[in-house]
Amino acid sequence: MADNTETLLLLGRIDGKLDSALQEIQDLKATHSTHDKRLGSLERSRATLTGWAAAVGAGASYVVSHFPFPK
């Protein structure tokens, strides 16, 4: 009878640890999803900024190459 009680106690501890691990995994998934959204937003804004910088550079290059400036 003592062995059965000890086995049930160990199974209860294992079950508790498994529930805790599953909760941690769900928390990590939620955090990962939040980070994924934030990083996606940052990457899109950086791409937009890079595009604008390239357009301004191309415009400045056009102006410099097509208009004579006094020396």
C-alpha atoms as a PDB file:
ATOM      1  CA  MET A   1       0.000   0.000   0.000  1.00  0.00           C
ATOM      2  CA  ALA A   2       2.891   2.379   0.724  1.00  0.00           C
ATOM      3  CA  ASP A   3       4.353   1.782  -2.728  1.00  0.00           C
ATOM      4  CA  ASN A   4       1.029   2.660  -4.360  1.00  0.00           C
ATOM      5  CA  THR A   5       0.790   5.923  -2.387  1.00  0.00           C
ATOM      6  CA  GLU A   6       4.370   6.825  -3.262  1.00  0.00           C
ATOM      7  CA  THR A   7       3.744   6.089  -6.953  1.00  0.00           C
ATOM      8  CA  LEU A   8       0.631   8.260  -6.956  1.00  0.00           C
ATOM      9  CA  LEU A   9       2.553  11.057  -5.247  1.00  0.00           C
ATOM     10  CA  LEU A  10       5.302  10.878  -7.873  1.00  0.00           C
ATOM     11  CA  LEU A  11       2.747  10.839 -10.688  1.00  0.00           C
ATOM     12  CA  GLY A  12       1.104  13.925  -9.190  1.00  0.00           C
ATOM     13  CA  ARG A  13       4.444  15.728  -9.058  1.00  0.00           C
ATOM     14  CA  ILE A  14       5.199  14.775 -12.671  1.00  0.00           C
ATOM     15  CA  ASP A  15       1.743  15.962 -13.740  1.00  0.00           C
ATOM     16  CA  GLY A  16       2.278  19.290 -11.964  1.00  0.00           C
ATOM     17  CA  LYS A  17       5.660  19.799 -13.596  1.00  0.00           C
ATOM     18  CA  LEU A  18       4.220  18.937 -17.001  1.00  0.00           C
ATOM     19  CA  ASP A  19       1.397  21.454 -16.546  1.00  0.00           C
ATOM     20  CA  SER A  20       3.948  24.078 -15.541  1.00  0.00           C
ATOM     21  CA  ALA A  21       6.090  23.344 -18.606  1.00  0.00           C
ATOM     22  CA  LEU A  22       3.078  23.550 -20.913  1.00  0.00           C
ATOM     23  CA  GLN A  23       2.101  26.915 -19.412  1.00  0.00           C
ATOM     24  CA  GLU A  24       5.650  28.212 -19.948  1.00  0.00           C
ATOM     25  CA  ILE A  25       5.522  27.085 -23.587  1.00  0.00           C
ATOM     26  CA  GLN A  26       2.245  28.929 -24.128  1.00  0.00           C
ATOM     27  CA  ASP A  27       3.689  32.068 -22.526  1.00  0.00           C
ATOM     28  CA  LEU A  28       6.736  31.855 -24.794  1.00  0.00           C
ATOM     29  CA  LYS A  29       4.525  31.436 -27.865  1.00  0.00           C
ATOM     30  CA  ALA A  30       2.569  34.559 -26.919  1.00  0.00           C
ATOM     31  CA  THR A  31       5.790  36.517 -26.380  1.00  0.00           C
ATOM     32  CA  HIS A  32       7.176  35.251 -29.693  1.00  0.00           C
ATOM     33  CA  SER A  33       4.032  36.330 -31.514  1.00  0.00           C
ATOM     34  CA  THR A  34       4.259  39.811 -30.003  1.00  0.00           C
ATOM     35  CA  HIS A  35       7.931  40.112 -30.915  1.00  0.00           C
ATOM     36  CA  ASP A  36       7.234  38.889 -34.437  1.00  0.00           C
ATOM     37  CA  LYS A  37       4.643  41.635 -34.960  1.00  0.00           C
ATOM     38  CA  ARG A  38       6.932  44.329 -33.543  1.00  0.00           C
ATOM     39  CA  LEU A  39       9.927  43.224 -35.598  1.00  0.00           C
ATOM     40  CA  GLY A  40       7.817  43.050 -38.746  1.00  0.00           C
ATOM     41  CA  SER A  41       6.698  46.614 -38.182  1.00  0.00           C
ATOM     42  CA  LEU A  42      10.289  47.779 -37.647  1.00  0.00           C
ATOM     43  CA  GLU A  43      11.483  45.978 -40.770  1.00  0.00           C
ATOM     44  CA  ARG A  44       8.740  47.536 -42.905  1.00  0.00           C
ATOM     45  CA  SER A  45       9.487  51.040 -41.622  1.00  0.00           C
ATOM     46  CA  ARG A  46      13.205  50.540 -42.242  1.00  0.00           C
ATOM     47  CA  ALA A  47      12.517  49.387 -45.798  1.00  0.00           C
ATOM     48  CA  THR A  48      10.358  52.469 -46.378  1.00  0.00           C
ATOM     49  CA  LEU A  49      13.076  54.731 -45.011  1.00  0.00           C
ATOM     50  CA  THR A  50      15.691  53.056 -47.207  1.00  0.00           C
ATOM     51  CA  GLY A  51      13.457  53.542 -50.252  1.00  0.00           C
ATOM     52  CA  TRP A  52      13.003  57.235 -49.499  1.00  0.00           C
ATOM     53  CA  ALA A  53      16.749  57.649 -48.973  1.00  0.00           C
ATOM     54  CA  ALA A  54      17.431  55.996 -52.340  1.00  0.00           C
ATOM     55  CA  ALA A  55      14.878  58.258 -54.069  1.00  0.00           C
ATOM     56  CA  VAL A  56      16.385  61.394 -52.517  1.00  0.00           C
ATOM     57  CA  GLY A  57      19.866  60.229 -53.514  1.00  0.00           C
ATOM     58  CA  ALA A  58      18.741  59.572 -57.081  1.00  0.00           C
ATOM     59  CA  GLY A  59      17.081  62.998 -57.253  1.00  0.00           C
ATOM     60  CA  ALA A  60      20.187  64.726 -55.921  1.00  0.00           C
ATOM     61  CA  SER A  61      22.341  62.815 -58.396  1.00  0.00           C
ATOM     62  CA  TYR A  62      20.075  63.907 -61.251  1.00  0.00           C
ATOM     63  CA  VAL A  63      20.221  67.539 -60.177  1.00  0.00           C
ATOM     64  CA  VAL A  64      24.006  67.523 -59.847  1.00  0.00           C
ATOM     65  CA  SER A  65      24.581  65.769 -63.169  1.00  0.00           C
ATOM     66  CA  HIS A  66      22.129  67.767 -65.295  1.00  0.00           C
ATOM     67  CA  PHE A  67      22.574  71.310 -64.062  1.00  0.00           C
ATOM     68  CA  PRO A  68      25.861  73.100 -64.448  1.00  0.00           C
ATOM     69  CA  PHE A  69      27.070  74.693 -61.275  1.00  0.00           C
ATOM     70  CA  PRO A  70      29.581  77.563 -61.349  1.00  0.00           C
ATOM     71  CA  LYS A  71      33.099  76.581 -60.456  1.00  0.00           C
END
